[in-house]
N, C-alpha and C. Protein backbone atom coordinates (compact mmCIF):
# COMPACT_ATOMS: atom_id res chain seq x y z
N MET A 1 26.94 -3.56 -14.10
CA MET A 1 27.00 -4.93 -13.64
C MET A 1 27.78 -5.73 -14.67
N SER A 2 28.73 -6.54 -14.21
CA SER A 2 29.57 -7.30 -15.13
C SER A 2 28.83 -8.52 -15.67
N LEU A 3 29.40 -9.09 -16.71
CA LEU A 3 28.81 -10.27 -17.34
C LEU A 3 28.85 -11.46 -16.38
N ARG A 4 29.93 -11.56 -15.60
CA ARG A 4 30.05 -12.65 -14.61
C ARG A 4 28.97 -12.52 -13.54
N SER A 5 28.74 -11.32 -13.09
CA SER A 5 27.72 -11.08 -12.08
C SER A 5 26.32 -11.40 -12.61
N LEU A 6 26.04 -11.05 -13.84
CA LEU A 6 24.76 -11.38 -14.45
C LEU A 6 24.59 -12.89 -14.61
N ALA A 7 25.66 -13.58 -14.99
CA ALA A 7 25.60 -15.03 -15.14
C ALA A 7 25.35 -15.70 -13.79
N LEU A 8 26.01 -15.21 -12.74
CA LEU A 8 25.78 -15.76 -11.40
C LEU A 8 24.36 -15.49 -10.91
N LEU A 9 23.85 -14.31 -11.21
CA LEU A 9 22.48 -13.98 -10.84
C LEU A 9 21.48 -14.89 -11.55
N ALA A 10 21.69 -15.11 -12.84
CA ALA A 10 20.80 -16.00 -13.61
C ALA A 10 20.89 -17.43 -13.09
N ALA A 11 22.10 -17.89 -12.78
CA ALA A 11 22.27 -19.24 -12.24
C ALA A 11 21.61 -19.36 -10.87
N SER A 12 21.69 -18.30 -10.08
CA SER A 12 21.04 -18.30 -8.76
C SER A 12 19.53 -18.41 -8.89
N LEU A 13 18.95 -17.64 -9.80
CA LEU A 13 17.50 -17.69 -10.01
C LEU A 13 17.05 -19.05 -10.54
N CYS A 14 17.81 -19.61 -11.47
CA CYS A 14 17.47 -20.94 -12.00
C CYS A 14 17.57 -22.01 -10.92
N THR A 15 18.60 -21.94 -10.10
CA THR A 15 18.77 -22.91 -9.02
C THR A 15 17.67 -22.78 -7.98
N ALA A 16 17.30 -21.56 -7.64
CA ALA A 16 16.20 -21.35 -6.68
C ALA A 16 14.88 -21.86 -7.26
N GLY A 17 14.66 -21.63 -8.54
CA GLY A 17 13.45 -22.15 -9.17
C GLY A 17 13.42 -23.67 -9.18
N LEU A 18 14.55 -24.30 -9.45
CA LEU A 18 14.64 -25.75 -9.43
C LEU A 18 14.40 -26.29 -8.02
N ALA A 19 14.95 -25.60 -7.02
CA ALA A 19 14.72 -26.02 -5.63
C ALA A 19 13.25 -25.94 -5.27
N ALA A 20 12.58 -24.88 -5.66
CA ALA A 20 11.14 -24.75 -5.38
C ALA A 20 10.34 -25.80 -6.14
N LEU A 21 10.68 -26.04 -7.40
CA LEU A 21 9.98 -27.04 -8.19
C LEU A 21 10.12 -28.43 -7.58
N VAL A 22 11.33 -28.80 -7.19
CA VAL A 22 11.57 -30.11 -6.61
C VAL A 22 10.85 -30.25 -5.28
N TYR A 23 10.81 -29.18 -4.49
CA TYR A 23 10.18 -29.24 -3.16
C TYR A 23 8.66 -29.33 -3.26
N PHE A 24 8.05 -28.56 -4.15
CA PHE A 24 6.60 -28.49 -4.20
C PHE A 24 5.95 -29.44 -5.20
N HIS A 25 6.69 -29.96 -6.15
CA HIS A 25 6.12 -30.85 -7.17
C HIS A 25 6.68 -32.25 -6.98
N ASP A 26 5.80 -33.20 -6.65
CA ASP A 26 6.22 -34.58 -6.43
C ASP A 26 6.26 -35.30 -7.77
N SER A 27 7.43 -35.69 -8.20
CA SER A 27 7.60 -36.37 -9.48
C SER A 27 7.58 -37.88 -9.25
N ASP A 28 7.07 -38.62 -10.23
CA ASP A 28 7.10 -40.07 -10.11
C ASP A 28 8.29 -40.68 -10.87
N LEU A 29 9.10 -39.86 -11.51
CA LEU A 29 10.32 -40.36 -12.16
C LEU A 29 11.37 -40.67 -11.10
N VAL A 30 11.90 -41.88 -11.12
CA VAL A 30 12.90 -42.30 -10.13
C VAL A 30 14.15 -41.44 -10.23
N LEU A 31 14.53 -41.07 -11.44
CA LEU A 31 15.71 -40.23 -11.65
C LEU A 31 15.59 -38.93 -10.86
N VAL A 32 14.42 -38.30 -10.90
CA VAL A 32 14.20 -37.05 -10.17
C VAL A 32 14.10 -37.31 -8.68
N ARG A 33 13.33 -38.33 -8.28
CA ARG A 33 13.13 -38.63 -6.86
C ARG A 33 14.43 -38.99 -6.15
N ASP A 34 15.24 -39.82 -6.76
CA ASP A 34 16.44 -40.30 -6.08
C ASP A 34 17.65 -39.39 -6.21
N TYR A 35 17.77 -38.68 -7.34
CA TYR A 35 19.00 -37.94 -7.57
C TYR A 35 18.85 -36.43 -7.58
N LEU A 36 17.67 -35.91 -7.87
CA LEU A 36 17.49 -34.46 -7.91
C LEU A 36 16.67 -33.91 -6.76
N TYR A 37 16.13 -34.79 -5.90
CA TYR A 37 15.30 -34.31 -4.81
C TYR A 37 16.20 -33.89 -3.63
N HIS A 38 16.79 -32.73 -3.79
CA HIS A 38 17.62 -32.13 -2.76
C HIS A 38 17.30 -30.64 -2.70
N PRO A 39 16.07 -30.28 -2.32
CA PRO A 39 15.68 -28.87 -2.38
C PRO A 39 16.49 -27.97 -1.47
N PHE A 40 16.92 -28.46 -0.32
CA PHE A 40 17.67 -27.60 0.60
C PHE A 40 19.10 -27.40 0.12
N ALA A 41 19.70 -28.42 -0.46
CA ALA A 41 21.04 -28.25 -1.04
C ALA A 41 20.98 -27.29 -2.22
N LEU A 42 19.94 -27.39 -3.03
CA LEU A 42 19.78 -26.45 -4.14
C LEU A 42 19.53 -25.03 -3.62
N GLY A 43 18.80 -24.89 -2.52
CA GLY A 43 18.57 -23.58 -1.91
C GLY A 43 19.86 -22.96 -1.40
N VAL A 44 20.71 -23.77 -0.78
CA VAL A 44 22.01 -23.28 -0.30
C VAL A 44 22.86 -22.82 -1.49
N LEU A 45 22.88 -23.61 -2.55
CA LEU A 45 23.63 -23.24 -3.75
C LEU A 45 23.10 -21.94 -4.35
N ALA A 46 21.77 -21.77 -4.38
CA ALA A 46 21.18 -20.53 -4.91
C ALA A 46 21.62 -19.32 -4.08
N CYS A 47 21.64 -19.46 -2.76
CA CYS A 47 22.07 -18.35 -1.90
C CYS A 47 23.55 -18.03 -2.10
N LEU A 48 24.39 -19.06 -2.24
CA LEU A 48 25.82 -18.81 -2.47
C LEU A 48 26.06 -18.16 -3.83
N LEU A 49 25.32 -18.57 -4.85
CA LEU A 49 25.45 -17.94 -6.16
C LEU A 49 24.99 -16.48 -6.12
N LEU A 50 23.93 -16.20 -5.37
CA LEU A 50 23.46 -14.83 -5.22
C LEU A 50 24.50 -13.97 -4.51
N ALA A 51 25.11 -14.52 -3.46
CA ALA A 51 26.17 -13.77 -2.76
C ALA A 51 27.35 -13.51 -3.69
N GLY A 52 27.69 -14.50 -4.52
CA GLY A 52 28.77 -14.31 -5.49
C GLY A 52 28.44 -13.24 -6.52
N ALA A 53 27.18 -13.18 -6.94
CA ALA A 53 26.76 -12.16 -7.90
C ALA A 53 26.83 -10.77 -7.27
N ALA A 54 26.57 -10.68 -5.97
CA ALA A 54 26.55 -9.38 -5.30
C ALA A 54 27.95 -8.79 -5.12
N THR A 55 28.98 -9.62 -5.12
CA THR A 55 30.33 -9.11 -4.86
C THR A 55 30.82 -8.15 -5.92
N GLU A 56 30.31 -8.22 -7.13
CA GLU A 56 30.79 -7.36 -8.20
C GLU A 56 29.87 -6.19 -8.52
N LEU A 57 28.89 -5.96 -7.67
CA LEU A 57 28.01 -4.82 -7.90
C LEU A 57 28.75 -3.51 -7.65
N ARG A 58 28.35 -2.47 -8.36
CA ARG A 58 29.02 -1.19 -8.28
C ARG A 58 28.68 -0.44 -7.00
N TRP A 59 27.43 -0.47 -6.58
CA TRP A 59 27.00 0.29 -5.42
C TRP A 59 27.17 -0.53 -4.14
N LEU A 60 27.82 0.05 -3.19
CA LEU A 60 28.10 -0.65 -1.93
C LEU A 60 26.81 -1.00 -1.19
N TRP A 61 25.85 -0.07 -1.16
CA TRP A 61 24.62 -0.33 -0.41
C TRP A 61 23.85 -1.51 -1.00
N LEU A 62 23.88 -1.66 -2.34
CA LEU A 62 23.20 -2.78 -2.99
C LEU A 62 23.95 -4.09 -2.73
N ARG A 63 25.28 -4.00 -2.73
CA ARG A 63 26.10 -5.17 -2.41
C ARG A 63 25.79 -5.68 -1.00
N VAL A 64 25.71 -4.75 -0.04
CA VAL A 64 25.42 -5.12 1.35
C VAL A 64 24.01 -5.68 1.48
N LEU A 65 23.05 -5.04 0.82
CA LEU A 65 21.66 -5.50 0.89
C LEU A 65 21.50 -6.91 0.33
N ILE A 66 22.03 -7.15 -0.85
CA ILE A 66 21.89 -8.47 -1.48
C ILE A 66 22.72 -9.50 -0.71
N GLY A 67 23.88 -9.12 -0.23
CA GLY A 67 24.68 -10.04 0.58
C GLY A 67 23.98 -10.43 1.88
N THR A 68 23.32 -9.44 2.50
CA THR A 68 22.57 -9.72 3.73
C THR A 68 21.39 -10.64 3.45
N LEU A 69 20.66 -10.36 2.37
CA LEU A 69 19.53 -11.23 2.00
C LEU A 69 20.00 -12.65 1.68
N ALA A 70 21.12 -12.77 0.97
CA ALA A 70 21.66 -14.09 0.66
C ALA A 70 22.09 -14.81 1.94
N GLY A 71 22.70 -14.09 2.87
CA GLY A 71 23.11 -14.69 4.14
C GLY A 71 21.92 -15.14 4.97
N LEU A 72 20.87 -14.31 5.02
CA LEU A 72 19.66 -14.70 5.75
C LEU A 72 18.98 -15.91 5.08
N GLY A 73 18.93 -15.91 3.76
CA GLY A 73 18.36 -17.05 3.05
C GLY A 73 19.16 -18.32 3.28
N LEU A 74 20.50 -18.18 3.31
CA LEU A 74 21.37 -19.33 3.57
C LEU A 74 21.14 -19.87 4.98
N ALA A 75 21.08 -18.98 5.96
CA ALA A 75 20.86 -19.41 7.35
C ALA A 75 19.49 -20.09 7.50
N GLY A 76 18.46 -19.50 6.89
CA GLY A 76 17.12 -20.10 6.96
C GLY A 76 17.06 -21.45 6.28
N THR A 77 17.69 -21.57 5.14
CA THR A 77 17.70 -22.83 4.41
C THR A 77 18.43 -23.91 5.20
N LEU A 78 19.56 -23.56 5.78
CA LEU A 78 20.31 -24.53 6.59
C LEU A 78 19.52 -24.94 7.83
N LEU A 79 18.83 -24.00 8.47
CA LEU A 79 18.03 -24.32 9.66
C LEU A 79 16.88 -25.25 9.32
N VAL A 80 16.08 -24.89 8.32
CA VAL A 80 14.93 -25.72 7.95
C VAL A 80 15.40 -27.07 7.40
N GLY A 81 16.46 -27.08 6.62
CA GLY A 81 17.00 -28.34 6.10
C GLY A 81 17.50 -29.23 7.22
N GLY A 82 18.13 -28.66 8.24
CA GLY A 82 18.57 -29.44 9.40
C GLY A 82 17.42 -30.06 10.16
N VAL A 83 16.34 -29.29 10.32
CA VAL A 83 15.15 -29.82 10.99
C VAL A 83 14.56 -30.98 10.19
N PHE A 84 14.47 -30.82 8.86
CA PHE A 84 13.94 -31.89 8.03
C PHE A 84 14.83 -33.12 8.07
N LEU A 85 16.14 -32.94 8.10
CA LEU A 85 17.04 -34.08 8.18
C LEU A 85 16.92 -34.79 9.52
N THR A 86 16.73 -34.02 10.58
CA THR A 86 16.64 -34.61 11.91
C THR A 86 15.36 -35.40 12.08
N PHE A 87 14.23 -34.86 11.66
CA PHE A 87 12.95 -35.49 11.91
C PHE A 87 12.37 -36.21 10.70
N GLY A 88 12.99 -36.14 9.57
CA GLY A 88 12.45 -36.74 8.36
C GLY A 88 13.29 -37.86 7.80
N ASP A 89 14.10 -38.49 8.64
CA ASP A 89 14.99 -39.55 8.18
C ASP A 89 14.19 -40.79 7.81
N ILE A 90 14.31 -41.23 6.58
CA ILE A 90 13.62 -42.42 6.09
C ILE A 90 14.66 -43.48 5.76
N GLU A 91 14.47 -44.69 6.31
CA GLU A 91 15.42 -45.78 6.10
C GLU A 91 14.80 -46.84 5.20
N GLU A 92 15.64 -47.44 4.37
CA GLU A 92 15.19 -48.54 3.53
C GLU A 92 14.92 -49.75 4.42
N ALA A 93 13.76 -50.40 4.23
CA ALA A 93 13.41 -51.56 5.04
C ALA A 93 13.27 -52.83 4.21
N GLY A 94 13.41 -52.74 2.91
CA GLY A 94 13.33 -53.93 2.09
C GLY A 94 12.82 -53.64 0.70
N TYR A 95 12.90 -54.66 -0.13
CA TYR A 95 12.46 -54.57 -1.52
C TYR A 95 11.89 -55.92 -1.90
N LEU A 96 10.71 -55.93 -2.46
CA LEU A 96 10.04 -57.17 -2.87
C LEU A 96 9.90 -57.16 -4.38
N ASP A 97 10.51 -58.13 -5.03
CA ASP A 97 10.38 -58.25 -6.48
C ASP A 97 8.97 -58.69 -6.83
N GLY A 98 8.47 -58.17 -7.93
CA GLY A 98 7.16 -58.55 -8.43
C GLY A 98 7.28 -59.06 -9.83
N PRO A 99 6.16 -59.21 -10.51
CA PRO A 99 6.24 -59.61 -11.92
C PRO A 99 6.99 -58.53 -12.70
N ASP A 100 7.84 -58.97 -13.60
CA ASP A 100 8.69 -58.04 -14.35
C ASP A 100 7.82 -56.98 -15.01
N PRO A 101 8.08 -55.75 -14.91
CA PRO A 101 9.19 -54.94 -14.42
C PRO A 101 8.93 -54.29 -13.06
N TYR A 102 8.05 -54.87 -12.24
CA TYR A 102 7.63 -54.22 -11.00
C TYR A 102 8.43 -54.69 -9.79
N GLY A 103 8.46 -53.83 -8.79
CA GLY A 103 9.02 -54.16 -7.48
C GLY A 103 8.39 -53.24 -6.44
N ILE A 104 8.33 -53.71 -5.21
CA ILE A 104 7.76 -52.91 -4.13
C ILE A 104 8.88 -52.52 -3.17
N ARG A 105 8.94 -51.24 -2.86
CA ARG A 105 9.97 -50.70 -1.99
C ARG A 105 9.34 -50.38 -0.63
N LEU A 106 9.98 -50.86 0.43
CA LEU A 106 9.52 -50.59 1.81
C LEU A 106 10.49 -49.63 2.47
N GLN A 107 9.94 -48.60 3.10
CA GLN A 107 10.76 -47.63 3.83
C GLN A 107 10.11 -47.39 5.19
N GLU A 108 10.93 -47.05 6.18
CA GLU A 108 10.41 -46.77 7.52
C GLU A 108 10.98 -45.46 8.02
N SER A 109 10.17 -44.77 8.83
CA SER A 109 10.62 -43.54 9.47
C SER A 109 9.90 -43.41 10.80
N MET A 110 10.48 -42.62 11.67
CA MET A 110 9.85 -42.33 12.95
C MET A 110 8.71 -41.34 12.72
N ALA A 111 7.64 -41.50 13.50
CA ALA A 111 6.50 -40.59 13.40
C ALA A 111 6.69 -39.48 14.42
N GLY A 112 7.23 -38.36 13.98
CA GLY A 112 7.45 -37.22 14.87
C GLY A 112 8.50 -37.52 15.93
N LEU A 113 8.22 -37.12 17.16
CA LEU A 113 9.17 -37.33 18.25
C LEU A 113 8.90 -38.61 19.03
N GLY A 114 7.78 -39.25 18.77
CA GLY A 114 7.38 -40.41 19.55
C GLY A 114 8.03 -41.69 19.08
N PRO A 115 7.67 -42.79 19.75
CA PRO A 115 8.25 -44.09 19.39
C PRO A 115 7.55 -44.76 18.21
N ASP A 116 6.54 -44.12 17.65
CA ASP A 116 5.79 -44.72 16.55
C ASP A 116 6.66 -44.84 15.31
N MET A 117 6.42 -45.92 14.56
CA MET A 117 7.13 -46.15 13.30
C MET A 117 6.12 -46.09 12.16
N VAL A 118 6.47 -45.39 11.10
CA VAL A 118 5.63 -45.30 9.91
C VAL A 118 6.30 -46.12 8.82
N THR A 119 5.51 -46.99 8.18
CA THR A 119 6.00 -47.79 7.06
C THR A 119 5.40 -47.24 5.77
N TRP A 120 6.27 -46.95 4.82
CA TRP A 120 5.86 -46.41 3.52
C TRP A 120 6.10 -47.49 2.48
N LEU A 121 5.13 -47.70 1.61
CA LEU A 121 5.26 -48.64 0.51
C LEU A 121 5.13 -47.89 -0.80
N SER A 122 5.97 -48.23 -1.75
CA SER A 122 5.87 -47.62 -3.08
C SER A 122 6.12 -48.69 -4.13
N LEU A 123 5.52 -48.49 -5.28
CA LEU A 123 5.64 -49.40 -6.39
C LEU A 123 6.60 -48.81 -7.41
N ARG A 124 7.59 -49.59 -7.81
CA ARG A 124 8.57 -49.12 -8.79
C ARG A 124 8.42 -49.94 -10.07
N LYS A 125 8.35 -49.23 -11.18
CA LYS A 125 8.31 -49.88 -12.50
C LYS A 125 9.61 -49.54 -13.21
N GLU A 126 10.47 -50.55 -13.35
CA GLU A 126 11.79 -50.36 -13.94
C GLU A 126 11.69 -50.16 -15.44
N ASN A 127 12.34 -49.09 -15.93
CA ASN A 127 12.37 -48.80 -17.36
C ASN A 127 13.57 -47.91 -17.66
N GLY A 128 14.72 -48.26 -17.13
CA GLY A 128 15.93 -47.48 -17.36
C GLY A 128 15.81 -46.08 -16.81
N LEU A 129 16.16 -45.07 -17.60
CA LEU A 129 16.09 -43.68 -17.15
C LEU A 129 14.66 -43.20 -16.96
N LEU A 130 13.70 -43.90 -17.54
CA LEU A 130 12.30 -43.52 -17.41
C LEU A 130 11.57 -44.36 -16.36
N SER A 131 12.32 -44.99 -15.44
CA SER A 131 11.70 -45.75 -14.36
C SER A 131 10.82 -44.83 -13.52
N ARG A 132 9.71 -45.38 -13.07
CA ARG A 132 8.75 -44.59 -12.29
C ARG A 132 8.50 -45.26 -10.95
N GLU A 133 8.12 -44.43 -9.97
CA GLU A 133 7.79 -44.94 -8.64
C GLU A 133 6.57 -44.20 -8.12
N TRP A 134 5.57 -44.96 -7.64
CA TRP A 134 4.33 -44.39 -7.13
C TRP A 134 4.11 -44.86 -5.70
N ASP A 135 3.46 -44.02 -4.90
CA ASP A 135 3.12 -44.39 -3.53
C ASP A 135 2.02 -45.43 -3.54
N LEU A 136 2.18 -46.44 -2.66
CA LEU A 136 1.17 -47.48 -2.49
C LEU A 136 0.40 -47.32 -1.19
N GLY A 137 1.12 -46.99 -0.13
CA GLY A 137 0.45 -46.88 1.15
C GLY A 137 1.37 -46.40 2.25
N CYS A 138 0.73 -46.04 3.35
CA CYS A 138 1.44 -45.54 4.52
C CYS A 138 0.73 -46.11 5.75
N PHE A 139 1.50 -46.70 6.67
CA PHE A 139 0.91 -47.34 7.83
C PHE A 139 1.68 -46.92 9.09
N ASN A 140 0.96 -46.35 10.04
CA ASN A 140 1.53 -45.89 11.30
C ASN A 140 1.19 -46.92 12.37
N ASP A 141 2.19 -47.36 13.14
CA ASP A 141 1.93 -48.37 14.16
C ASP A 141 1.47 -47.77 15.49
N ASP A 142 0.97 -46.54 15.46
CA ASP A 142 0.43 -45.90 16.66
C ASP A 142 -0.70 -46.76 17.25
N VAL A 143 -1.57 -47.27 16.39
CA VAL A 143 -2.61 -48.21 16.79
C VAL A 143 -2.09 -49.60 16.39
N PRO A 144 -1.89 -50.51 17.35
CA PRO A 144 -1.25 -51.80 17.03
C PRO A 144 -1.95 -52.59 15.92
N GLU A 145 -3.27 -52.46 15.78
CA GLU A 145 -3.98 -53.19 14.73
C GLU A 145 -3.67 -52.66 13.33
N ASP A 146 -3.19 -51.43 13.24
CA ASP A 146 -2.91 -50.79 11.95
C ASP A 146 -1.47 -50.96 11.49
N THR A 147 -0.68 -51.75 12.19
CA THR A 147 0.72 -51.95 11.84
C THR A 147 0.82 -52.77 10.55
N PHE A 148 1.69 -52.34 9.65
CA PHE A 148 1.93 -53.07 8.40
C PHE A 148 2.42 -54.47 8.72
N ASP A 149 1.85 -55.47 8.01
CA ASP A 149 2.26 -56.86 8.23
C ASP A 149 2.96 -57.43 7.00
N SER A 150 2.30 -57.37 5.84
CA SER A 150 2.90 -57.96 4.65
C SER A 150 2.27 -57.39 3.38
N VAL A 151 2.92 -57.67 2.29
CA VAL A 151 2.41 -57.31 0.97
C VAL A 151 2.72 -58.48 0.04
N LYS A 152 1.77 -58.80 -0.82
CA LYS A 152 2.00 -59.90 -1.76
C LYS A 152 1.30 -59.60 -3.08
N TRP A 153 1.84 -60.16 -4.14
CA TRP A 153 1.25 -60.04 -5.46
C TRP A 153 0.15 -61.08 -5.57
N THR A 154 -1.04 -60.66 -6.00
CA THR A 154 -2.14 -61.59 -6.19
C THR A 154 -2.44 -61.81 -7.67
N GLY A 155 -1.73 -61.16 -8.52
CA GLY A 155 -1.89 -61.30 -9.96
C GLY A 155 -0.88 -60.42 -10.66
N PRO A 156 -0.87 -60.42 -11.99
CA PRO A 156 0.11 -59.59 -12.69
C PRO A 156 -0.15 -58.09 -12.54
N ASN A 157 -1.39 -57.70 -12.26
CA ASN A 157 -1.73 -56.28 -12.12
C ASN A 157 -2.45 -55.99 -10.81
N THR A 158 -2.30 -56.84 -9.82
CA THR A 158 -2.94 -56.61 -8.52
C THR A 158 -2.01 -57.06 -7.40
N LEU A 159 -2.10 -56.36 -6.30
CA LEU A 159 -1.36 -56.75 -5.11
C LEU A 159 -2.24 -56.49 -3.90
N GLU A 160 -1.80 -57.03 -2.77
CA GLU A 160 -2.61 -56.95 -1.56
C GLU A 160 -1.71 -56.62 -0.38
N ILE A 161 -2.12 -55.60 0.39
CA ILE A 161 -1.38 -55.19 1.58
C ILE A 161 -2.18 -55.66 2.78
N ARG A 162 -1.49 -56.27 3.75
CA ARG A 162 -2.13 -56.79 4.95
C ARG A 162 -1.57 -56.08 6.18
N VAL A 163 -2.47 -55.75 7.11
CA VAL A 163 -2.06 -55.17 8.39
C VAL A 163 -2.17 -56.23 9.48
N SER A 164 -1.67 -55.93 10.68
CA SER A 164 -1.53 -56.93 11.72
C SER A 164 -2.83 -57.55 12.20
N ASP A 165 -3.96 -56.88 12.09
CA ASP A 165 -5.23 -57.48 12.54
C ASP A 165 -5.90 -58.31 11.45
N GLY A 166 -5.26 -58.48 10.30
CA GLY A 166 -5.78 -59.34 9.25
C GLY A 166 -6.50 -58.61 8.14
N ARG A 167 -6.77 -57.32 8.28
CA ARG A 167 -7.42 -56.57 7.21
C ARG A 167 -6.50 -56.52 6.00
N THR A 168 -7.11 -56.55 4.83
CA THR A 168 -6.34 -56.48 3.60
C THR A 168 -6.81 -55.30 2.76
N PHE A 169 -5.89 -54.77 1.99
CA PHE A 169 -6.16 -53.67 1.09
C PHE A 169 -5.72 -54.09 -0.31
N PRO A 170 -6.69 -54.45 -1.18
CA PRO A 170 -6.32 -54.81 -2.55
C PRO A 170 -5.98 -53.55 -3.34
N ILE A 171 -4.90 -53.61 -4.09
CA ILE A 171 -4.45 -52.47 -4.89
C ILE A 171 -4.38 -52.92 -6.35
N PRO A 172 -5.34 -52.49 -7.19
CA PRO A 172 -5.25 -52.80 -8.62
C PRO A 172 -4.32 -51.80 -9.32
N LEU A 173 -3.64 -52.28 -10.33
CA LEU A 173 -2.75 -51.41 -11.11
C LEU A 173 -3.35 -51.16 -12.48
N ASP A 174 -3.10 -49.98 -13.00
CA ASP A 174 -3.53 -49.67 -14.36
C ASP A 174 -2.70 -50.54 -15.30
N PRO A 175 -3.34 -51.34 -16.17
CA PRO A 175 -2.58 -52.26 -17.02
C PRO A 175 -1.65 -51.58 -18.02
N THR A 176 -1.96 -50.37 -18.44
CA THR A 176 -1.11 -49.72 -19.44
C THR A 176 0.05 -48.96 -18.81
N SER A 177 -0.21 -48.15 -17.77
CA SER A 177 0.86 -47.35 -17.18
C SER A 177 1.53 -48.03 -15.99
N GLY A 178 0.80 -48.90 -15.29
CA GLY A 178 1.35 -49.53 -14.09
C GLY A 178 1.07 -48.75 -12.83
N ARG A 179 0.48 -47.57 -12.95
CA ARG A 179 0.18 -46.73 -11.80
C ARG A 179 -0.91 -47.38 -10.94
N PRO A 180 -0.73 -47.37 -9.60
CA PRO A 180 -1.77 -47.91 -8.72
C PRO A 180 -3.06 -47.09 -8.84
N ARG A 181 -4.19 -47.79 -8.93
CA ARG A 181 -5.47 -47.09 -9.04
C ARG A 181 -5.96 -46.61 -7.68
N THR A 182 -5.53 -47.28 -6.61
CA THR A 182 -5.88 -46.86 -5.24
C THR A 182 -4.64 -46.94 -4.38
N THR A 183 -4.70 -46.33 -3.22
CA THR A 183 -3.63 -46.44 -2.23
C THR A 183 -4.27 -46.72 -0.88
N ALA A 184 -3.46 -47.08 0.09
CA ALA A 184 -3.97 -47.35 1.44
C ALA A 184 -3.18 -46.52 2.43
N ALA A 185 -3.87 -45.97 3.43
CA ALA A 185 -3.20 -45.19 4.46
C ALA A 185 -3.96 -45.36 5.77
N LEU A 186 -3.23 -45.68 6.82
CA LEU A 186 -3.80 -45.80 8.16
C LEU A 186 -3.00 -44.93 9.12
N ASN A 187 -3.63 -43.90 9.66
CA ASN A 187 -3.03 -43.00 10.65
C ASN A 187 -1.83 -42.21 10.12
N CYS A 188 -1.80 -41.94 8.84
CA CYS A 188 -0.69 -41.17 8.26
C CYS A 188 -1.17 -39.79 7.86
């Protein structure tokens, strides 16, 4: 096995490991969430690197076997990634500034195949490359009373989420880290 083939194999394994880590481990670092959370793209890259490593193998049967496995992995990754892109599209719905350094991010997505809309709220604490984002709540408008209505700051370390029937969900924040101590979810 050549040095190039070994390097491609190592790069393929590292990329596949990174794809699995990003997919299964939810990070609260904004840098990771916004820029590195592409598990299916990393999976495609891992399969292409594996196919490249297989081209220089000495034994034809091993070249065919690894090439076939890389092709099947590539097809599976593209299929599952396409399904996630089709049904998992999340759109930005707004941003509410809070007391410095906080802000609340609103996102919306369709709930499955139906007409229901899911509203996701997250709290972002700006700190340059170490900015963090935590989930605040999830509200599905399947039941009209559970539809997200508004969110407001009630203090420097507390906020309140309101749904359409008037119920409120107070969310206290940890004063040192800024992480929400509770979250709210209705029909999610």
